[in-house]
Amino acid sequence: MKIIDLRSDTVTRPSEPMRQAMATAEVGDDVYRDDPTVITLEETCAERLGFESTIFTSSGTQANLIALMSHCGRGDEYIVGQLAHTYKYEAGGAAVLGSIQPQPIEFEADSTLDLQKVAAKIKPDDIHFARTRLLCLENTQNGRILPADYLQEAASFARDKNLVLHLDGARLFNAAVGQNVAAGDITKHFDSTAVCLSKGLGCPVGSLLCGTQSFIEEARKWRKMVGGGMRQAGILAAAGLYALEHNIDRLATDHENASHLAEGLGKIDAIEIEGGKAHTNMLFFEMDEATASELALFLQKSNILMSPGKTIRLVTHIDITEDDVELIIEKINSFFSARK
């Protein structure tokens, strides 16, 4: 019986055509920089997102880490959202491995960082303080898309404050599809961008880091140092090329399924969807942790997986269909109906 996995869009399985592309990929040795499929993937992504150069990494965490280490020196500081992936969910790598000090601030309700609050956190040019070097944004953040006008403001702000601007664009293409714009219209505001292939795009492994030629050369050194020098990586890069060609426009289906799921669950008295709707391919609602655990066990009996907790996040993706959404709504509704 099919497993319907709502825990994340990282759980996707490569399709048969993607597997075929991987099986027939032309390969070399990427550390020697002669894997033709990796080269094609990097060049394709750089052109699509409007950057001079790109490097293929094993994960989004690695892409963000080597970006921060390439932009910042030991004792430098970066400003970042309190709940941002680069700060909260990447094991403190920038601090542990890069000796880079994070300065977190709270996100606003729309997942932007208030630029006045950012300005207040920039350290004076004084020997007592770390040098504030970089501002890191995330798009999407908990499924929310950063407004286009905000990106322009953030870019102007960063230039005025002499800060580098990095985008954790793990779900960049969800943002682009959600706004009906080219991904390059988003990334043009940033000095560097990391984008994940193994979330909504359905690849088994991999992320890409984009920037200037000199920046990517520096990042290549850091990638090697943290163990990211892969050899016949073209087998993985082929999946990325397939995804860029076939799996971007279809993200709109994931968004539609998330909206339908939010609408259906919102009719259940015990559930109040955060914000009253889904954001791209995610929806959130609060629940007593004991009840959430019971719900997770109940759904698991029907091969539906979710992560229990005080805040429930449900994520749609390429392996979840409209029929699956109907089943999820039916099962969750029956769980709460039985508790009345």
C-alpha atoms as a PDB file:
ATOM      1  CA  MET A   1       0.000   0.000   0.000  1.00  0.00           C
ATOM      2  CA  LYS A   2       1.237   3.467  -0.888  1.00  0.00           C
ATOM      3  CA  ILE A   3       2.776   5.558   1.895  1.00  0.00           C
ATOM      4  CA  ILE A   4       1.556   9.159   1.951  1.00  0.00           C
ATOM      5  CA  ASP A   5       4.370  11.099   3.591  1.00  0.00           C
ATOM      6  CA  LEU A   6       3.502  14.620   4.770  1.00  0.00           C
ATOM      7  CA  ARG A   7       6.597  15.154   6.901  1.00  0.00           C
ATOM      8  CA  SER A   8       8.565  17.099   4.290  1.00  0.00           C
ATOM      9  CA  ASP A   9       9.196  17.515   0.579  1.00  0.00           C
ATOM     10  CA  THR A  10      12.630  15.971   1.195  1.00  0.00           C
ATOM     11  CA  VAL A  11      11.023  12.505   1.257  1.00  0.00           C
ATOM     12  CA  THR A  12      10.329  12.379  -2.489  1.00  0.00           C
ATOM     13  CA  ARG A  13      11.529   9.433  -4.554  1.00  0.00           C
ATOM     14  CA  PRO A  14      13.151   9.881  -7.981  1.00  0.00           C
ATOM     15  CA  SER A  15      10.770   9.044 -10.816  1.00  0.00           C
ATOM     16  CA  GLU A  16      11.559   6.332 -13.336  1.00  0.00           C
ATOM     17  CA  PRO A  17      12.556   8.882 -16.043  1.00  0.00           C
ATOM     18  CA  MET A  18      14.855  10.591 -13.521  1.00  0.00           C
ATOM     19  CA  ARG A  19      16.397   7.233 -12.627  1.00  0.00           C
ATOM     20  CA  GLN A  20      16.966   6.536 -16.310  1.00  0.00           C
ATOM     21  CA  ALA A  21      18.713   9.892 -16.723  1.00  0.00           C
ATOM     22  CA  MET A  22      20.943   9.027 -13.770  1.00  0.00           C
ATOM     23  CA  ALA A  23      21.696   5.532 -15.068  1.00  0.00           C
ATOM     24  CA  THR A  24      22.819   6.823 -18.456  1.00  0.00           C
ATOM     25  CA  ALA A  25      24.666   9.945 -17.264  1.00  0.00           C
ATOM     26  CA  GLU A  26      28.082  10.681 -18.740  1.00  0.00           C
ATOM     27  CA  VAL A  27      30.532  11.041 -15.858  1.00  0.00           C
ATOM     28  CA  GLY A  28      34.076  12.097 -15.042  1.00  0.00           C
ATOM     29  CA  ASP A  29      35.745  13.181 -11.803  1.00  0.00           C
ATOM     30  CA  ASP A  30      34.248  16.357 -10.395  1.00  0.00           C
ATOM     31  CA  VAL A  31      37.206  17.097  -8.111  1.00  0.00           C
ATOM     32  CA  TYR A  32      39.341  17.192 -11.264  1.00  0.00           C
ATOM     33  CA  ARG A  33      36.515  19.310 -12.729  1.00  0.00           C
ATOM     34  CA  ASP A  34      35.993  17.039 -15.710  1.00  0.00           C
ATOM     35  CA  ASP A  35      32.587  15.518 -15.019  1.00  0.00           C
ATOM     36  CA  PRO A  36      30.589  16.750 -18.040  1.00  0.00           C
ATOM     37  CA  THR A  37      27.161  16.293 -16.471  1.00  0.00           C
ATOM     38  CA  VAL A  38      28.110  18.266 -13.363  1.00  0.00           C
ATOM     39  CA  ILE A  39      29.538  21.006 -15.572  1.00  0.00           C
ATOM     40  CA  THR A  40      26.325  21.141 -17.604  1.00  0.00           C
ATOM     41  CA  LEU A  41      24.195  21.315 -14.450  1.00  0.00           C
ATOM     42  CA  GLU A  42      26.305  24.110 -12.975  1.00  0.00           C
ATOM     43  CA  GLU A  43      26.295  26.113 -16.208  1.00  0.00           C
ATOM     44  CA  THR A  44      22.560  25.604 -16.690  1.00  0.00           C
ATOM     45  CA  CYS A  45      21.752  26.794 -13.182  1.00  0.00           C
ATOM     46  CA  ALA A  46      24.086  29.798 -13.391  1.00  0.00           C
ATOM     47  CA  GLU A  47      22.469  30.920 -16.626  1.00  0.00           C
ATOM     48  CA  ARG A  48      18.933  30.367 -15.343  1.00  0.00           C
ATOM     49  CA  LEU A  49      19.495  32.293 -12.103  1.00  0.00           C
ATOM     50  CA  GLY A  50      21.670  35.031 -13.586  1.00  0.00           C
ATOM     51  CA  PHE A  51      25.017  34.310 -11.918  1.00  0.00           C
ATOM     52  CA  GLU A  52      28.527  33.991 -13.274  1.00  0.00           C
ATOM     53  CA  SER A  53      29.185  30.603 -11.739  1.00  0.00           C
ATOM     54  CA  THR A  54      27.704  27.725  -9.732  1.00  0.00           C
ATOM     55  CA  ILE A  55      29.004  24.799  -7.677  1.00  0.00           C
ATOM     56  CA  PHE A  56      27.195  21.494  -7.055  1.00  0.00           C
ATOM     57  CA  THR A  57      27.082  20.430  -3.402  1.00  0.00           C
ATOM     58  CA  SER A  58      25.845  17.365  -1.575  1.00  0.00           C
ATOM     59  CA  SER A  59      23.219  19.241   0.476  1.00  0.00           C
ATOM     60  CA  GLY A  60      21.618  22.588   1.182  1.00  0.00           C
ATOM     61  CA  THR A  61      23.374  22.723   4.538  1.00  0.00           C
ATOM     62  CA  GLN A  62      26.709  22.349   2.793  1.00  0.00           C
ATOM     63  CA  ALA A  63      25.828  24.978   0.203  1.00  0.00           C
ATOM     64  CA  ASN A  64      24.896  27.498   2.891  1.00  0.00           C
ATOM     65  CA  LEU A  65      27.929  26.648   5.022  1.00  0.00           C
ATOM     66  CA  ILE A  66      30.467  27.175   2.276  1.00  0.00           C
ATOM     67  CA  ALA A  67      28.641  30.345   1.227  1.00  0.00           C
ATOM     68  CA  LEU A  68      28.970  31.821   4.714  1.00  0.00           C
ATOM     69  CA  MET A  69      32.597  30.702   4.981  1.00  0.00           C
ATOM     70  CA  SER A  70      33.396  32.234   1.590  1.00  0.00           C
ATOM     71  CA  HIS A  71      31.761  35.565   2.398  1.00  0.00           C
ATOM     72  CA  CYS A  72      32.921  35.879   6.023  1.00  0.00           C
ATOM     73  CA  GLY A  73      36.227  35.544   7.814  1.00  0.00           C
ATOM     74  CA  ARG A  74      36.925  34.310  11.335  1.00  0.00           C
ATOM     75  CA  GLY A  75      35.288  36.641  13.822  1.00  0.00           C
ATOM     76  CA  ASP A  76      32.914  38.166  11.274  1.00  0.00           C
ATOM     77  CA  GLU A  77      29.171  38.249  11.891  1.00  0.00           C
ATOM     78  CA  TYR A  78      26.082  37.512   9.833  1.00  0.00           C
ATOM     79  CA  ILE A  79      22.542  38.700  10.556  1.00  0.00           C
ATOM     80  CA  VAL A  80      19.858  36.059  10.142  1.00  0.00           C
ATOM     81  CA  GLY A  81      16.309  35.167  11.170  1.00  0.00           C
ATOM     82  CA  GLN A  82      15.821  33.532  14.568  1.00  0.00           C
ATOM     83  CA  LEU A  83      14.069  30.545  12.928  1.00  0.00           C
ATOM     84  CA  ALA A  84      16.105  30.546   9.718  1.00  0.00           C
ATOM     85  CA  HIS A  85      17.516  27.262   8.503  1.00  0.00           C
ATOM     86  CA  THR A  86      21.080  28.590   8.355  1.00  0.00           C
ATOM     87  CA  TYR A  87      20.890  29.575  12.020  1.00  0.00           C
ATOM     88  CA  LYS A  88      18.642  27.029  13.724  1.00  0.00           C
ATOM     89  CA  TYR A  89      18.745  23.851  11.664  1.00  0.00           C
ATOM     90  CA  GLU A  90      22.310  23.509  10.367  1.00  0.00           C
ATOM     91  CA  ALA A  91      23.992  22.384  13.603  1.00  0.00           C
ATOM     92  CA  GLY A  92      25.736  25.715  14.184  1.00  0.00           C
ATOM     93  CA  GLY A  93      28.175  24.973  11.372  1.00  0.00           C
ATOM     94  CA  ALA A  94      29.003  28.598  10.593  1.00  0.00           C
ATOM     95  CA  ALA A  95      30.064  29.175  14.206  1.00  0.00           C
ATOM     96  CA  VAL A  96      31.696  25.786  14.795  1.00  0.00           C
ATOM     97  CA  LEU A  97      33.558  25.423  11.506  1.00  0.00           C
ATOM     98  CA  GLY A  98      33.772  29.000  10.244  1.00  0.00           C
ATOM     99  CA  SER A  99      34.156  30.917  13.529  1.00  0.00           C
ATOM    100  CA  ILE A 100      31.403  33.196  12.209  1.00  0.00           C
ATOM    101  CA  GLN A 101      29.163  34.830  14.794  1.00  0.00           C
ATOM    102  CA  PRO A 102      25.409  34.708  14.090  1.00  0.00           C
ATOM    103  CA  GLN A 103      23.234  37.655  15.075  1.00  0.00           C
ATOM    104  CA  PRO A 104      19.656  36.322  14.959  1.00  0.00           C
ATOM    105  CA  ILE A 105      16.571  38.536  14.986  1.00  0.00           C
ATOM    106  CA  GLU A 106      12.885  37.624  14.930  1.00  0.00           C
ATOM    107  CA  PHE A 107      11.083  37.227  11.633  1.00  0.00           C
ATOM    108  CA  GLU A 108       8.098  39.432  10.932  1.00  0.00           C
ATOM    109  CA  ALA A 109       4.718  37.810  10.301  1.00  0.00           C
ATOM    110  CA  ASP A 110       5.417  37.706   6.548  1.00  0.00           C
ATOM    111  CA  SER A 111       8.847  36.089   7.119  1.00  0.00           C
ATOM    112  CA  THR A 112      10.774  39.221   6.227  1.00  0.00           C
ATOM    113  CA  LEU A 113      13.420  40.726   8.475  1.00  0.00           C
ATOM    114  CA  ASP A 114      12.558  44.288   9.473  1.00  0.00           C
ATOM    115  CA  LEU A 115      15.392  46.285   7.917  1.00  0.00           C
ATOM    116  CA  GLN A 116      15.288  48.891  10.680  1.00  0.00           C
ATOM    117  CA  LYS A 117      15.833  46.118  13.212  1.00  0.00           C
ATOM    118  CA  VAL A 118      18.635  44.751  11.035  1.00  0.00           C
ATOM    119  CA  ALA A 119      20.246  48.207  10.954  1.00  0.00           C
ATOM    120  CA  ALA A 120      20.107  48.375  14.751  1.00  0.00           C
ATOM    121  CA  LYS A 121      22.055  45.093  14.970  1.00  0.00           C
ATOM    122  CA  ILE A 122      24.887  46.158  12.673  1.00  0.00           C
ATOM    123  CA  LYS A 123      27.948  46.590  14.859  1.00  0.00           C
ATOM    124  CA  PRO A 124      29.939  49.834  14.953  1.00  0.00           C
ATOM    125  CA  ASP A 125      33.453  49.870  13.541  1.00  0.00           C
ATOM    126  CA  ASP A 126      35.010  49.264  16.945  1.00  0.00           C
ATOM    127  CA  ILE A 127      37.586  46.772  18.225  1.00  0.00           C
ATOM    128  CA  HIS A 128      35.084  45.488  20.782  1.00  0.00           C
ATOM    129  CA  PHE A 129      32.723  44.047  18.186  1.00  0.00           C
ATOM    130  CA  ALA A 130      32.595  41.435  15.490  1.00  0.00           C
ATOM    131  CA  ARG A 131      32.467  42.918  12.008  1.00  0.00           C
ATOM    132  CA  THR A 132      28.959  42.648  10.575  1.00  0.00           C
ATOM    133  CA  ARG A 133      29.586  41.280   7.129  1.00  0.00           C
ATOM    134  CA  LEU A 134      26.510  39.575   5.732  1.00  0.00           C
ATOM    135  CA  LEU A 135      22.703  39.546   5.759  1.00  0.00           C
ATOM    136  CA  CYS A 136      21.035  36.194   5.085  1.00  0.00           C
ATOM    137  CA  LEU A 137      17.423  35.882   3.910  1.00  0.00           C
ATOM    138  CA  GLU A 138      15.351  32.759   3.288  1.00  0.00           C
ATOM    139  CA  ASN A 139      12.817  32.244   0.476  1.00  0.00           C
ATOM    140  CA  THR A 140      10.501  30.530   1.039  1.00  0.00           C
ATOM    141  CA  GLN A 141      10.491  30.642   4.838  1.00  0.00           C
ATOM    142  CA  ASN A 142       7.994  28.200   6.337  1.00  0.00           C
ATOM    143  CA  GLY A 143       6.349  28.246   2.931  1.00  0.00           C
ATOM    144  CA  ARG A 144       5.942  32.019   2.841  1.00  0.00           C
ATOM    145  CA  ILE A 145       7.235  33.899  -0.180  1.00  0.00           C
ATOM    146  CA  LEU A 146       9.217  37.096   0.386  1.00  0.00           C
ATOM    147  CA  PRO A 147       7.479  40.045  -1.345  1.00  0.00           C
ATOM    148  CA  ALA A 148       9.174  41.274  -4.519  1.00  0.00           C
ATOM    149  CA  ASP A 149       9.336  44.892  -3.345  1.00  0.00           C
ATOM    150  CA  TYR A 150      10.968  43.766  -0.100  1.00  0.00           C
ATOM    151  CA  LEU A 151      13.748  42.034  -2.019  1.00  0.00           C
ATOM    152  CA  GLN A 152      14.507  45.288  -3.831  1.00  0.00           C
ATOM    153  CA  GLU A 153      14.540  47.170  -0.537  1.00  0.00           C
ATOM    154  CA  ALA A 154      16.795  44.569   1.078  1.00  0.00           C
ATOM    155  CA  ALA A 155      19.262  44.723  -1.812  1.00  0.00           C
ATOM    156  CA  SER A 156      19.445  48.534  -1.621  1.00  0.00           C
ATOM    157  CA  PHE A 157      19.791  48.345   2.154  1.00  0.00           C
ATOM    158  CA  ALA A 158      22.638  45.824   1.928  1.00  0.00           C
ATOM    159  CA  ARG A 159      24.520  48.002  -0.560  1.00  0.00           C
ATOM    160  CA  ASP A 160      24.060  51.096   1.601  1.00  0.00           C
ATOM    161  CA  LYS A 161      25.282  49.239   4.699  1.00  0.00           C
ATOM    162  CA  ASN A 162      28.164  47.547   2.865  1.00  0.00           C
ATOM    163  CA  LEU A 163      26.739  44.085   3.583  1.00  0.00           C
ATOM    164  CA  VAL A 164      26.831  41.005   1.403  1.00  0.00           C
ATOM    165  CA  LEU A 165      23.352  39.579   0.721  1.00  0.00           C
ATOM    166  CA  HIS A 166      22.914  35.789   0.649  1.00  0.00           C
ATOM    167  CA  LEU A 167      19.732  33.895  -0.125  1.00  0.00           C
ATOM    168  CA  ASP A 168      18.965  30.503   1.339  1.00  0.00           C
ATOM    169  CA  GLY A 169      16.719  29.601  -1.580  1.00  0.00           C
ATOM    170  CA  ALA A 170      16.182  25.969  -0.684  1.00  0.00           C
ATOM    171  CA  ARG A 171      12.636  26.317  -2.064  1.00  0.00           C
ATOM    172  CA  LEU A 172      13.427  29.131  -4.485  1.00  0.00           C
ATOM    173  CA  PHE A 173      11.434  27.567  -7.314  1.00  0.00           C
ATOM    174  CA  ASN A 174       8.351  27.269  -5.078  1.00  0.00           C
ATOM    175  CA  ALA A 175       8.652  31.022  -4.537  1.00  0.00           C
ATOM    176  CA  ALA A 176       9.056  31.690  -8.251  1.00  0.00           C
ATOM    177  CA  VAL A 177       6.088  29.521  -9.219  1.00  0.00           C
ATOM    178  CA  GLY A 178       4.003  31.022  -6.418  1.00  0.00           C
ATOM    179  CA  GLN A 179       4.688  34.550  -7.700  1.00  0.00           C
ATOM    180  CA  ASN A 180       4.522  33.512 -11.364  1.00  0.00           C
ATOM    181  CA  VAL A 181       7.961  34.958 -12.073  1.00  0.00           C
ATOM    182  CA  ALA A 182      11.257  33.572 -13.323  1.00  0.00           C
ATOM    183  CA  ALA A 183      13.567  32.428 -10.535  1.00  0.00           C
ATOM    184  CA  GLY A 184      16.130  34.897 -11.828  1.00  0.00           C
ATOM    185  CA  ASP A 185      13.774  37.760 -11.005  1.00  0.00           C
ATOM    186  CA  ILE A 186      14.234  36.780  -7.362  1.00  0.00           C
ATOM    187  CA  THR A 187      17.930  35.935  -7.347  1.00  0.00           C
ATOM    188  CA  LYS A 188      19.016  39.082  -9.204  1.00  0.00           C
ATOM    189  CA  HIS A 189      18.893  40.946  -5.893  1.00  0.00           C
ATOM    190  CA  PHE A 190      21.452  38.685  -4.175  1.00  0.00           C
ATOM    191  CA  ASP A 191      25.224  38.302  -4.164  1.00  0.00           C
ATOM    192  CA  SER A 192      24.850  34.541  -3.735  1.00  0.00           C
ATOM    193  CA  THR A 193      22.049  31.997  -3.689  1.00  0.00           C
ATOM    194  CA  ALA A 194      21.769  28.387  -2.543  1.00  0.00           C
ATOM    195  CA  VAL A 195      19.014  26.301  -4.123  1.00  0.00           C
ATOM    196  CA  CYS A 196      18.018  22.754  -3.192  1.00  0.00           C
ATOM    197  CA  LEU A 197      17.294  20.032  -5.743  1.00  0.00           C
ATOM    198  CA  SER A 198      16.145  17.376  -3.271  1.00  0.00           C
ATOM    199  CA  LYS A 199      13.004  19.065  -1.962  1.00  0.00           C
ATOM    200  CA  GLY A 200      10.197  20.082  -4.306  1.00  0.00           C
ATOM    201  CA  LEU A 201      12.206  19.263  -7.399  1.00  0.00           C
ATOM    202  CA  GLY A 202      12.248  15.593  -6.453  1.00  0.00           C
ATOM    203  CA  CYS A 203      15.958  14.753  -6.703  1.00  0.00           C
ATOM    204  CA  PRO A 204      17.503  12.216  -4.314  1.00  0.00           C
ATOM    205  CA  VAL A 205      20.496  14.404  -3.397  1.00  0.00           C
ATOM    206  CA  GLY A 206      22.039  17.764  -4.076  1.00  0.00           C
ATOM    207  CA  SER A 207      22.010  21.552  -3.945  1.00  0.00           C
ATOM    208  CA  LEU A 208      23.615  24.332  -5.943  1.00  0.00           C
ATOM    209  CA  LEU A 209      25.412  27.477  -4.783  1.00  0.00           C
ATOM    210  CA  CYS A 210      25.568  30.417  -7.186  1.00  0.00           C
ATOM    211  CA  GLY A 211      27.636  33.601  -7.190  1.00  0.00           C
ATOM    212  CA  THR A 212      30.490  35.380  -8.913  1.00  0.00           C
ATOM    213  CA  GLN A 213      33.336  33.406 -10.445  1.00  0.00           C
ATOM    214  CA  SER A 214      35.778  34.408  -7.686  1.00  0.00           C
ATOM    215  CA  PHE A 215      33.250  33.620  -4.952  1.00  0.00           C
ATOM    216  CA  ILE A 216      32.580  30.137  -6.336  1.00  0.00           C
ATOM    217  CA  GLU A 217      36.319  29.452  -6.609  1.00  0.00           C
ATOM    218  CA  GLU A 218      36.614  30.253  -2.903  1.00  0.00           C
ATOM    219  CA  ALA A 219      33.570  28.110  -2.157  1.00  0.00           C
ATOM    220  CA  ARG A 220      35.140  25.224  -4.064  1.00  0.00           C
ATOM    221  CA  LYS A 221      38.075  25.242  -1.644  1.00  0.00           C
ATOM    222  CA  TRP A 222      35.732  25.221   1.371  1.00  0.00           C
ATOM    223  CA  ARG A 223      33.610  22.464  -0.178  1.00  0.00           C
ATOM    224  CA  LYS A 224      36.698  20.272  -0.421  1.00  0.00           C
ATOM    225  CA  MET A 225      37.671  21.057   3.167  1.00  0.00           C
ATOM    226  CA  VAL A 226      34.285  20.019   4.590  1.00  0.00           C
ATOM    227  CA  GLY A 227      34.315  16.749   2.657  1.00  0.00           C
ATOM    228  CA  GLY A 228      32.124  17.767  -0.264  1.00  0.00           C
ATOM    229  CA  GLY A 229      34.474  16.859  -3.100  1.00  0.00           C
ATOM    230  CA  MET A 230      32.479  14.236  -4.999  1.00  0.00           C
ATOM    231  CA  ARG A 231      33.880  12.105  -7.809  1.00  0.00           C
ATOM    232  CA  GLN A 232      31.517  10.628 -10.434  1.00  0.00           C
ATOM    233  CA  ALA A 233      28.884  13.107  -9.305  1.00  0.00           C
ATOM    234  CA  GLY A 234      27.352  13.301 -12.762  1.00  0.00           C
ATOM    235  CA  ILE A 235      25.048  10.451 -11.759  1.00  0.00           C
ATOM    236  CA  LEU A 236      23.513  12.826  -9.193  1.00  0.00           C
ATOM    237  CA  ALA A 237      23.796  15.902 -11.396  1.00  0.00           C
ATOM    238  CA  ALA A 238      21.742  14.155 -14.082  1.00  0.00           C
ATOM    239  CA  ALA A 239      18.832  14.063 -11.662  1.00  0.00           C
ATOM    240  CA  GLY A 240      19.221  17.806 -11.163  1.00  0.00           C
ATOM    241  CA  LEU A 241      19.206  18.477 -14.897  1.00  0.00           C
ATOM    242  CA  TYR A 242      16.093  16.361 -15.298  1.00  0.00           C
ATOM    243  CA  ALA A 243      14.405  18.248 -12.448  1.00  0.00           C
ATOM    244  CA  LEU A 244      15.233  21.678 -13.852  1.00  0.00           C
ATOM    245  CA  GLU A 245      13.722  20.623 -17.172  1.00  0.00           C
ATOM    246  CA  HIS A 246      10.624  18.763 -15.958  1.00  0.00           C
ATOM    247  CA  ASN A 247       9.803  19.443 -12.294  1.00  0.00           C
ATOM    248  CA  ILE A 248       9.565  23.216 -11.858  1.00  0.00           C
ATOM    249  CA  ASP A 249       6.233  24.156 -13.460  1.00  0.00           C
ATOM    250  CA  ARG A 250       4.539  21.190 -11.780  1.00  0.00           C
ATOM    251  CA  LEU A 251       5.233  22.766  -8.356  1.00  0.00           C
ATOM    252  CA  ALA A 252       1.972  24.629  -8.930  1.00  0.00           C
ATOM    253  CA  THR A 253       0.193  21.285  -8.427  1.00  0.00           C
ATOM    254  CA  ASP A 254       1.819  20.907  -5.004  1.00  0.00           C
ATOM    255  CA  HIS A 255       0.615  24.393  -4.091  1.00  0.00           C
ATOM    256  CA  GLU A 256      -2.907  23.577  -5.253  1.00  0.00           C
ATOM    257  CA  ASN A 257      -2.909  20.341  -3.250  1.00  0.00           C
ATOM    258  CA  ALA A 258      -1.732  22.187  -0.145  1.00  0.00           C
ATOM    259  CA  SER A 259      -4.492  24.770  -0.577  1.00  0.00           C
ATOM    260  CA  HIS A 260      -7.088  22.028  -0.986  1.00  0.00           C
ATOM    261  CA  LEU A 261      -5.754  20.255   2.103  1.00  0.00           C
ATOM    262  CA  ALA A 262      -5.860  23.475   4.139  1.00  0.00           C
ATOM    263  CA  GLU A 263      -9.406  24.172   2.986  1.00  0.00           C
ATOM    264  CA  GLY A 264     -10.579  20.668   3.897  1.00  0.00           C
ATOM    265  CA  LEU A 265      -8.881  20.563   7.284  1.00  0.00           C
ATOM    266  CA  GLY A 266     -10.056  24.083   8.053  1.00  0.00           C
ATOM    267  CA  LYS A 267     -13.629  22.780   8.148  1.00  0.00           C
ATOM    268  CA  ILE A 268     -12.777  20.579  11.140  1.00  0.00           C
ATOM    269  CA  ASP A 269     -13.681  22.367  14.387  1.00  0.00           C
ATOM    270  CA  ALA A 270     -10.562  21.133  16.189  1.00  0.00           C
ATOM    271  CA  ILE A 271      -8.188  22.566  13.576  1.00  0.00           C
ATOM    272  CA  GLU A 272      -7.382  26.191  12.876  1.00  0.00           C
ATOM    273  CA  ILE A 273      -4.993  26.584   9.952  1.00  0.00           C
ATOM    274  CA  GLU A 274      -2.303  29.175  10.642  1.00  0.00           C
ATOM    275  CA  GLY A 275      -3.117  32.250   8.576  1.00  0.00           C
ATOM    276  CA  GLY A 276      -6.258  30.529   7.336  1.00  0.00           C
ATOM    277  CA  LYS A 277      -4.514  29.060   4.304  1.00  0.00           C
ATOM    278  CA  ALA A 278      -1.574  27.144   2.923  1.00  0.00           C
ATOM    279  CA  HIS A 279       1.617  28.924   1.958  1.00  0.00           C
ATOM    280  CA  THR A 280       3.026  27.430  -1.253  1.00  0.00           C
ATOM    281  CA  ASN A 281       3.267  23.704  -0.386  1.00  0.00           C
ATOM    282  CA  MET A 282       2.988  23.949   3.413  1.00  0.00           C
ATOM    283  CA  LEU A 283       0.301  24.412   6.024  1.00  0.00           C
ATOM    284  CA  PHE A 284       0.561  24.719   9.789  1.00  0.00           C
ATOM    285  CA  PHE A 285      -1.761  24.341  12.744  1.00  0.00           C
ATOM    286  CA  GLU A 286      -1.383  24.178  16.523  1.00  0.00           C
ATOM    287  CA  MET A 287      -2.403  21.186  18.612  1.00  0.00           C
ATOM    288  CA  ASP A 288      -1.941  19.704  22.048  1.00  0.00           C
ATOM    289  CA  GLU A 289       1.160  17.524  21.791  1.00  0.00           C
ATOM    290  CA  ALA A 290      -0.558  14.449  23.253  1.00  0.00           C
ATOM    291  CA  THR A 291      -3.381  14.746  20.734  1.00  0.00           C
ATOM    292  CA  ALA A 292      -0.864  15.273  17.938  1.00  0.00           C
ATOM    293  CA  SER A 293       0.917  12.059  18.880  1.00  0.00           C
ATOM    294  CA  GLU A 294      -2.389  10.180  18.893  1.00  0.00           C
ATOM    295  CA  LEU A 295      -3.259  11.620  15.497  1.00  0.00           C
ATOM    296  CA  ALA A 296       0.125  10.596  14.075  1.00  0.00           C
ATOM    297  CA  LEU A 297      -0.354   7.015  15.291  1.00  0.00           C
ATOM    298  CA  PHE A 298      -3.917   6.934  13.936  1.00  0.00           C
ATOM    299  CA  LEU A 299      -2.796   8.140  10.489  1.00  0.00           C
ATOM    300  CA  GLN A 300       0.139   5.754  10.432  1.00  0.00           C
ATOM    301  CA  LYS A 301      -2.334   2.858  10.449  1.00  0.00           C
ATOM    302  CA  SER A 302      -3.505   4.149   7.061  1.00  0.00           C
ATOM    303  CA  ASN A 303       0.103   4.631   5.848  1.00  0.00           C
ATOM    304  CA  ILE A 304      -0.095   8.403   6.259  1.00  0.00           C
ATOM    305  CA  LEU A 305       2.979   9.921   7.918  1.00  0.00           C
ATOM    306  CA  MET A 306       3.195  13.241   9.753  1.00  0.00           C
ATOM    307  CA  SER A 307       5.527  14.697  12.373  1.00  0.00           C
ATOM    308  CA  PRO A 308       3.706  15.258  15.690  1.00  0.00           C
ATOM    309  CA  GLY A 309       4.356  18.282  17.871  1.00  0.00           C
ATOM    310  CA  LYS A 310       2.749  21.421  19.226  1.00  0.00           C
ATOM    311  CA  THR A 311       2.922  22.936  15.759  1.00  0.00           C
ATOM    312  CA  ILE A 312       1.955  20.536  12.975  1.00  0.00           C
ATOM    313  CA  ARG A 313       3.486  21.106   9.550  1.00  0.00           C
ATOM    314  CA  LEU A 314       2.040  19.239   6.579  1.00  0.00           C
ATOM    315  CA  VAL A 315       3.952  19.402   3.299  1.00  0.00           C
ATOM    316  CA  THR A 316       2.730  18.438  -0.171  1.00  0.00           C
ATOM    317  CA  HIS A 317       5.104  17.338  -2.912  1.00  0.00           C
ATOM    318  CA  ILE A 318       5.512  15.428  -6.145  1.00  0.00           C
ATOM    319  CA  ASP A 319       4.526  12.077  -4.593  1.00  0.00           C
ATOM    320  CA  ILE A 320       1.211  13.316  -3.160  1.00  0.00           C
ATOM    321  CA  THR A 321      -1.816  13.348  -5.453  1.00  0.00           C
ATOM    322  CA  GLU A 322      -5.229  14.983  -5.303  1.00  0.00           C
ATOM    323  CA  ASP A 323      -6.717  11.621  -4.299  1.00  0.00           C
ATOM    324  CA  ASP A 324      -4.180  11.386  -1.473  1.00  0.00           C
ATOM    325  CA  VAL A 325      -5.306  14.791  -0.220  1.00  0.00           C
ATOM    326  CA  GLU A 326      -8.920  13.624  -0.145  1.00  0.00           C
ATOM    327  CA  LEU A 327      -7.906  10.555   1.861  1.00  0.00           C
ATOM    328  CA  ILE A 328      -5.906  12.646   4.331  1.00  0.00           C
ATOM    329  CA  ILE A 329      -8.865  14.957   4.929  1.00  0.00           C
ATOM    330  CA  GLU A 330     -11.177  11.971   5.370  1.00  0.00           C
ATOM    331  CA  LYS A 331      -8.900  10.246   7.884  1.00  0.00           C
ATOM    332  CA  ILE A 332      -8.182  13.340   9.969  1.00  0.00           C
ATOM    333  CA  ASN A 333     -11.863  14.195  10.000  1.00  0.00           C
ATOM    334  CA  SER A 334     -12.714  10.693  11.193  1.00  0.00           C
ATOM    335  CA  PHE A 335     -10.098  10.933  13.959  1.00  0.00           C
ATOM    336  CA  PHE A 336     -11.663  14.048  15.434  1.00  0.00           C
ATOM    337  CA  SER A 337     -15.230  12.862  14.845  1.00  0.00           C
ATOM    338  CA  ALA A 338     -14.517   9.801  16.979  1.00  0.00           C
ATOM    339  CA  ARG A 339     -13.284  12.033  19.833  1.00  0.00           C
ATOM    340  CA  LYS A 340     -16.514  14.021  20.148  1.00  0.00           C
END
